[in-house]
Structures are given as C-alpha cells and as structure tokens.
Amino acid sequence: MKLISWNVNGIRAVVGRTFLQQFADMDADIFCLQRNKSSGCSGS
C-alpha cells in the first residue's frame, strides 16, 4: 500500500501546473492533500 501526504500552498496553483501528471505518476493507494494557513499571531 502506498500512502502519500502532500502539503500544498494553494491547490489552484498546483493543479494548473504539473500536479495532475505527478499525481498519476505516483500511483498511490491513498493521497492526502493538506494546506496549512495561519492568520498570524498576536502575541501575549
């Protein structure tokens, strides 16, 4: 079983490039996309 986790910075940006071909080439059983977003830190 092949599991791939990919942290992307804006899914629209990667889909427009080589993402779809890379996705097919990896031939993963499970493919997780994650996007982390921070609204900033106000401090204490």
Protein backbone atom coordinates (compact mmCIF):
# COMPACT_ATOMS: atom_id res chain seq x y z
CA MET A 1 0.00 0.00 0.00
CA LYS A 2 1.33 3.41 -0.94
CA LEU A 3 0.29 6.49 1.07
CA ILE A 4 1.34 9.99 0.05
CA SER A 5 0.77 13.18 2.02
CA TRP A 6 1.46 16.43 0.20
CA ASN A 7 1.45 19.88 1.78
CA VAL A 8 0.39 22.35 -0.89
CA ASN A 9 0.32 26.12 -0.73
CA GLY A 10 -2.80 26.87 -2.73
CA ILE A 11 -4.41 23.96 -4.58
CA ARG A 12 -5.38 26.09 -7.58
CA ALA A 13 -1.73 26.94 -8.19
CA VAL A 14 -0.54 23.33 -8.31
CA VAL A 15 -3.44 21.96 -10.38
CA GLY A 16 -2.64 24.45 -13.12
CA ARG A 17 0.93 23.17 -13.38
CA THR A 18 2.18 19.58 -13.30
CA PHE A 19 0.16 18.34 -10.33
CA LEU A 20 -2.25 16.12 -12.27
CA GLN A 21 0.55 14.34 -14.13
CA GLN A 22 2.61 13.92 -10.95
CA PHE A 23 -0.48 12.57 -9.19
CA ALA A 24 -0.95 9.93 -11.90
CA ASP A 25 2.75 9.03 -11.94
CA MET A 26 2.87 8.42 -8.17
CA ASP A 27 0.21 5.70 -8.42
CA ALA A 28 -0.70 5.99 -4.73
CA ASP A 29 -3.43 4.00 -3.00
CA ILE A 30 -4.14 6.89 -0.65
CA PHE A 31 -3.33 10.50 -1.49
CA CYS A 32 -3.77 13.24 1.13
CA LEU A 33 -3.56 16.93 0.32
CA GLN A 34 -3.14 19.37 3.14
CA ARG A 35 -3.00 23.10 3.30
CA ASN A 36 -1.92 24.95 6.40
CA LYS A 37 -2.99 28.53 6.79
CA SER A 38 -2.19 30.91 9.58
CA SER A 39 -3.96 34.17 10.25
CA GLY A 40 -1.00 35.49 12.19
CA CYS A 41 -0.03 35.61 15.80
CA SER A 42 -0.98 38.49 18.06
CA GLY A 43 1.47 37.55 20.82
CA SER A 44 0.88 37.57 24.56
